[in-house]
């Protein structure tokens, strides 16, 4: 029988996946002209997020900002170094369209880890990040502090495509 800790980890993973899946389903329903179904998907996604955050909290997995940044650095580094490279290679070998997003993720995760390291340095000096303008490439997931580059260094889209997340 699994422990409560294992149950919380599994429940967090399941609820997190449901949040993302329903968010994607909402976009599709909206695109297909089903505004109220899209709203239902978005609302249910938010409910799943409440569950996921509750499970994470009950598992004492939310720590100090410094500890959370260290956890994030570890996760992003693992994804860049270990998780995505073989996935990318397999998709390339199979000629699968997943190679595009796996390739983007390999590169973006390295950037994410570096940004988290910068944030951790700031926290360890008792400060917030000095830059409040944080830009996201909605195509590949690249993140840039300050101003977006003329072209995304990962997927090459123009700066005008970048978005800011509050």
C-alpha atoms as a PDB file:
ATOM      1  CA  UNK A   1       0.000   0.000   0.000  1.00  0.00           C
ATOM      2  CA  UNK A   2       1.424   3.407  -0.946  1.00  0.00           C
ATOM      3  CA  UNK A   3       2.221   5.936   1.747  1.00  0.00           C
ATOM      4  CA  UNK A   4       0.356   9.221   2.031  1.00  0.00           C
ATOM      5  CA  UNK A   5       3.499  10.931   0.712  1.00  0.00           C
ATOM      6  CA  UNK A   6       3.399   8.732  -2.412  1.00  0.00           C
ATOM      7  CA  UNK A   7      -0.340   9.347  -2.763  1.00  0.00           C
ATOM      8  CA  UNK A   8       0.211  13.104  -2.538  1.00  0.00           C
ATOM      9  CA  UNK A   9       2.931  12.980  -5.215  1.00  0.00           C
ATOM     10  CA  UNK A  10       0.688  10.927  -7.515  1.00  0.00           C
ATOM     11  CA  UNK A  11      -2.341  13.111  -6.854  1.00  0.00           C
ATOM     12  CA  UNK A  12      -0.290  16.248  -7.516  1.00  0.00           C
ATOM     13  CA  UNK A  13       0.930  14.811 -10.825  1.00  0.00           C
ATOM     14  CA  UNK A  14      -2.566  13.783 -11.883  1.00  0.00           C
ATOM     15  CA  UNK A  15      -4.185  17.088 -10.958  1.00  0.00           C
ATOM     16  CA  UNK A  16      -1.365  19.050 -12.623  1.00  0.00           C
ATOM     17  CA  UNK A  17      -1.814  17.088 -15.835  1.00  0.00           C
ATOM     18  CA  UNK A  18      -5.581  17.587 -15.690  1.00  0.00           C
ATOM     19  CA  UNK A  19      -5.062  21.348 -15.265  1.00  0.00           C
ATOM     20  CA  UNK A  20      -2.900  21.521 -18.376  1.00  0.00           C
ATOM     21  CA  UNK A  21      -5.100  19.189 -20.398  1.00  0.00           C
ATOM     22  CA  UNK A  22      -8.295  21.099 -19.588  1.00  0.00           C
ATOM     23  CA  UNK A  23      -6.577  24.415 -20.297  1.00  0.00           C
ATOM     24  CA  UNK A  24      -5.617  23.112 -23.754  1.00  0.00           C
ATOM     25  CA  UNK A  25      -9.124  21.710 -24.268  1.00  0.00           C
ATOM     26  CA  UNK A  26     -10.564  25.144 -23.403  1.00  0.00           C
ATOM     27  CA  UNK A  27      -8.452  26.801 -26.099  1.00  0.00           C
ATOM     28  CA  UNK A  28      -9.699  24.279 -28.647  1.00  0.00           C
ATOM     29  CA  UNK A  29     -13.346  24.657 -27.594  1.00  0.00           C
ATOM     30  CA  UNK A  30     -12.988  28.453 -27.839  1.00  0.00           C
ATOM     31  CA  UNK A  31     -11.445  28.124 -31.306  1.00  0.00           C
ATOM     32  CA  UNK A  32     -14.294  25.810 -32.342  1.00  0.00           C
ATOM     33  CA  UNK A  33     -16.879  28.386 -31.235  1.00  0.00           C
ATOM     34  CA  UNK A  34     -17.994  26.751 -27.986  1.00  0.00           C
ATOM     35  CA  UNK A  35     -17.477  29.644 -25.562  1.00  0.00           C
ATOM     36  CA  UNK A  36     -19.411  28.130 -22.655  1.00  0.00           C
ATOM     37  CA  UNK A  37     -17.739  24.740 -22.990  1.00  0.00           C
ATOM     38  CA  UNK A  38     -14.403  26.570 -23.041  1.00  0.00           C
ATOM     39  CA  UNK A  39     -15.454  28.343 -19.835  1.00  0.00           C
ATOM     40  CA  UNK A  40     -16.375  24.996 -18.256  1.00  0.00           C
ATOM     41  CA  UNK A  41     -12.955  23.558 -19.187  1.00  0.00           C
ATOM     42  CA  UNK A  42     -11.152  26.650 -17.796  1.00  0.00           C
ATOM     43  CA  UNK A  43     -13.166  26.568 -14.570  1.00  0.00           C
ATOM     44  CA  UNK A  44     -12.539  22.855 -14.085  1.00  0.00           C
ATOM     45  CA  UNK A  45      -8.852  23.437 -14.828  1.00  0.00           C
ATOM     46  CA  UNK A  46      -8.754  26.009 -12.026  1.00  0.00           C
ATOM     47  CA  UNK A  47     -10.430  23.490  -9.691  1.00  0.00           C
ATOM     48  CA  UNK A  48      -7.752  20.926 -10.563  1.00  0.00           C
ATOM     49  CA  UNK A  49      -5.093  23.565  -9.854  1.00  0.00           C
ATOM     50  CA  UNK A  50      -6.620  24.135  -6.404  1.00  0.00           C
ATOM     51  CA  UNK A  51      -6.374  20.390  -5.767  1.00  0.00           C
ATOM     52  CA  UNK A  52      -2.775  20.226  -7.033  1.00  0.00           C
ATOM     53  CA  UNK A  53      -1.659  23.148  -4.872  1.00  0.00           C
ATOM     54  CA  UNK A  54      -3.399  21.618  -1.865  1.00  0.00           C
ATOM     55  CA  UNK A  55      -1.603  18.308  -2.386  1.00  0.00           C
ATOM     56  CA  UNK A  56       1.742  20.076  -2.796  1.00  0.00           C
ATOM     57  CA  UNK A  57       1.150  22.028   0.392  1.00  0.00           C
ATOM     58  CA  UNK A  58       0.023  18.949   2.359  1.00  0.00           C
ATOM     59  CA  UNK A  59       3.238  17.215   1.282  1.00  0.00           C
ATOM     60  CA  UNK A  60       5.245  20.153   2.696  1.00  0.00           C
ATOM     61  CA  UNK A  61       6.768  20.632  -0.757  1.00  0.00           C
ATOM     62  CA  UNK A  62       6.458  24.425  -0.666  1.00  0.00           C
ATOM     63  CA  UNK A  63       9.449  25.751   1.241  1.00  0.00           C
ATOM     64  CA  UNK A  64      11.323  29.051   1.421  1.00  0.00           C
ATOM     65  CA  UNK A  65      11.799  30.934  -1.831  1.00  0.00           C
ATOM     66  CA  UNK A  66      15.486  29.970  -1.807  1.00  0.00           C
ATOM     67  CA  UNK A  67      14.666  26.288  -1.311  1.00  0.00           C
ATOM     68  CA  UNK A  68      11.946  26.476  -3.971  1.00  0.00           C
ATOM     69  CA  UNK A  69      14.454  27.997  -6.399  1.00  0.00           C
ATOM     70  CA  UNK A  70      16.929  25.201  -5.639  1.00  0.00           C
ATOM     71  CA  UNK A  71      14.190  22.655  -6.339  1.00  0.00           C
ATOM     72  CA  UNK A  72      13.337  24.437  -9.588  1.00  0.00           C
ATOM     73  CA  UNK A  73      17.000  24.532 -10.651  1.00  0.00           C
ATOM     74  CA  UNK A  74      17.255  20.803 -10.020  1.00  0.00           C
ATOM     75  CA  UNK A  75      14.130  20.087 -12.040  1.00  0.00           C
ATOM     76  CA  UNK A  76      15.086  22.276 -14.992  1.00  0.00           C
ATOM     77  CA  UNK A  77      18.636  20.887 -15.017  1.00  0.00           C
ATOM     78  CA  UNK A  78      17.329  17.314 -14.966  1.00  0.00           C
ATOM     79  CA  UNK A  79      14.964  18.061 -17.842  1.00  0.00           C
ATOM     80  CA  UNK A  80      17.743  19.700 -19.890  1.00  0.00           C
ATOM     81  CA  UNK A  81      20.464  17.139 -19.185  1.00  0.00           C
ATOM     82  CA  UNK A  82      18.628  13.854 -18.742  1.00  0.00           C
ATOM     83  CA  UNK A  83      14.939  13.852 -19.553  1.00  0.00           C
ATOM     84  CA  UNK A  84      14.560  15.631 -22.881  1.00  0.00           C
ATOM     85  CA  UNK A  85      17.708  14.629 -24.821  1.00  0.00           C
ATOM     86  CA  UNK A  86      16.749  10.935 -25.211  1.00  0.00           C
ATOM     87  CA  UNK A  87      13.143  11.902 -25.914  1.00  0.00           C
ATOM     88  CA  UNK A  88      14.338  14.251 -28.650  1.00  0.00           C
ATOM     89  CA  UNK A  89      16.644  11.615 -30.141  1.00  0.00           C
ATOM     90  CA  UNK A  90      13.858   9.023 -30.145  1.00  0.00           C
ATOM     91  CA  UNK A  91      11.446  11.419 -31.850  1.00  0.00           C
ATOM     92  CA  UNK A  92      14.089  12.271 -34.458  1.00  0.00           C
ATOM     93  CA  UNK A  93      14.755   8.574 -35.084  1.00  0.00           C
ATOM     94  CA  UNK A  94      11.026   7.976 -35.549  1.00  0.00           C
ATOM     95  CA  UNK A  95      10.507  11.103 -37.622  1.00  0.00           C
ATOM     96  CA  UNK A  96       7.815  12.098 -35.114  1.00  0.00           C
ATOM     97  CA  UNK A  97       6.537  15.678 -34.965  1.00  0.00           C
ATOM     98  CA  UNK A  98       7.252  15.674 -31.200  1.00  0.00           C
ATOM     99  CA  UNK A  99      10.909  16.332 -32.065  1.00  0.00           C
ATOM    100  CA  UNK A 100      10.071  20.017 -32.550  1.00  0.00           C
ATOM    101  CA  UNK A 101       8.743  20.617 -29.028  1.00  0.00           C
ATOM    102  CA  UNK A 102      11.262  18.236 -27.415  1.00  0.00           C
ATOM    103  CA  UNK A 103      14.034  20.202 -29.143  1.00  0.00           C
ATOM    104  CA  UNK A 104      12.594  23.501 -27.949  1.00  0.00           C
ATOM    105  CA  UNK A 105      12.278  22.141 -24.411  1.00  0.00           C
ATOM    106  CA  UNK A 106      15.888  20.898 -24.277  1.00  0.00           C
ATOM    107  CA  UNK A 107      17.111  24.428 -24.953  1.00  0.00           C
ATOM    108  CA  UNK A 108      14.482  26.333 -22.967  1.00  0.00           C
ATOM    109  CA  UNK A 109      15.005  24.293 -19.790  1.00  0.00           C
ATOM    110  CA  UNK A 110      18.674  25.316 -19.745  1.00  0.00           C
ATOM    111  CA  UNK A 111      17.636  28.979 -19.915  1.00  0.00           C
ATOM    112  CA  UNK A 112      15.073  28.445 -17.154  1.00  0.00           C
ATOM    113  CA  UNK A 113      17.701  26.891 -14.863  1.00  0.00           C
ATOM    114  CA  UNK A 114      20.070  29.810 -15.493  1.00  0.00           C
ATOM    115  CA  UNK A 115      17.341  32.328 -14.687  1.00  0.00           C
ATOM    116  CA  UNK A 116      16.479  30.472 -11.489  1.00  0.00           C
ATOM    117  CA  UNK A 117      20.185  30.532 -10.534  1.00  0.00           C
ATOM    118  CA  UNK A 118      20.184  34.293 -11.056  1.00  0.00           C
ATOM    119  CA  UNK A 119      17.065  34.588  -8.899  1.00  0.00           C
ATOM    120  CA  UNK A 120      18.619  32.392  -6.199  1.00  0.00           C
ATOM    121  CA  UNK A 121      21.699  34.630  -6.127  1.00  0.00           C
ATOM    122  CA  UNK A 122      19.425  37.633  -5.611  1.00  0.00           C
ATOM    123  CA  UNK A 123      17.466  35.922  -2.804  1.00  0.00           C
ATOM    124  CA  UNK A 124      20.675  34.854  -1.076  1.00  0.00           C
ATOM    125  CA  UNK A 125      21.638  38.543  -1.060  1.00  0.00           C
ATOM    126  CA  UNK A 126      18.262  39.499   0.407  1.00  0.00           C
ATOM    127  CA  UNK A 127      16.998  40.970  -2.861  1.00  0.00           C
ATOM    128  CA  UNK A 128      14.415  40.375  -5.553  1.00  0.00           C
ATOM    129  CA  UNK A 129      15.383  40.120  -9.208  1.00  0.00           C
ATOM    130  CA  UNK A 130      16.398  43.589 -10.365  1.00  0.00           C
ATOM    131  CA  UNK A 131      14.539  43.136 -13.657  1.00  0.00           C
ATOM    132  CA  UNK A 132      10.736  43.234 -13.626  1.00  0.00           C
ATOM    133  CA  UNK A 133      10.314  42.924 -17.399  1.00  0.00           C
ATOM    134  CA  UNK A 134      10.173  39.193 -18.031  1.00  0.00           C
ATOM    135  CA  UNK A 135       9.263  38.027 -21.536  1.00  0.00           C
ATOM    136  CA  UNK A 136       8.045  34.618 -22.722  1.00  0.00           C
ATOM    137  CA  UNK A 137       8.203  33.179 -26.214  1.00  0.00           C
ATOM    138  CA  UNK A 138       4.799  31.496 -26.580  1.00  0.00           C
ATOM    139  CA  UNK A 139       6.140  29.213 -29.299  1.00  0.00           C
ATOM    140  CA  UNK A 140       9.071  27.491 -27.573  1.00  0.00           C
ATOM    141  CA  UNK A 141       9.066  28.630 -23.935  1.00  0.00           C
ATOM    142  CA  UNK A 142      12.230  30.744 -24.050  1.00  0.00           C
ATOM    143  CA  UNK A 143      12.294  33.389 -21.305  1.00  0.00           C
ATOM    144  CA  UNK A 144      14.164  36.680 -21.509  1.00  0.00           C
ATOM    145  CA  UNK A 145      14.726  39.318 -18.830  1.00  0.00           C
ATOM    146  CA  UNK A 146      14.692  42.973 -19.869  1.00  0.00           C
ATOM    147  CA  UNK A 147      13.658  43.165 -23.497  1.00  0.00           C
ATOM    148  CA  UNK A 148      12.880  40.307 -25.847  1.00  0.00           C
ATOM    149  CA  UNK A 149      15.573  39.580 -28.424  1.00  0.00           C
ATOM    150  CA  UNK A 150      14.968  40.634 -32.043  1.00  0.00           C
ATOM    151  CA  UNK A 151      14.518  36.938 -32.791  1.00  0.00           C
ATOM    152  CA  UNK A 152      14.051  34.108 -30.322  1.00  0.00           C
ATOM    153  CA  UNK A 153      17.379  32.264 -29.952  1.00  0.00           C
ATOM    154  CA  UNK A 154      15.539  28.934 -29.854  1.00  0.00           C
ATOM    155  CA  UNK A 155      12.727  29.093 -32.425  1.00  0.00           C
ATOM    156  CA  UNK A 156      13.578  32.331 -34.267  1.00  0.00           C
ATOM    157  CA  UNK A 157      10.184  34.078 -33.922  1.00  0.00           C
ATOM    158  CA  UNK A 158      10.216  37.865 -33.876  1.00  0.00           C
ATOM    159  CA  UNK A 159      10.289  39.899 -30.647  1.00  0.00           C
ATOM    160  CA  UNK A 160       6.739  41.097 -31.311  1.00  0.00           C
ATOM    161  CA  UNK A 161       5.468  37.564 -30.604  1.00  0.00           C
ATOM    162  CA  UNK A 162       6.857  37.526 -27.045  1.00  0.00           C
ATOM    163  CA  UNK A 163       4.388  38.081 -24.199  1.00  0.00           C
ATOM    164  CA  UNK A 164       4.704  39.245 -20.608  1.00  0.00           C
ATOM    165  CA  UNK A 165       3.208  37.145 -17.837  1.00  0.00           C
ATOM    166  CA  UNK A 166       2.088  38.943 -14.678  1.00  0.00           C
END
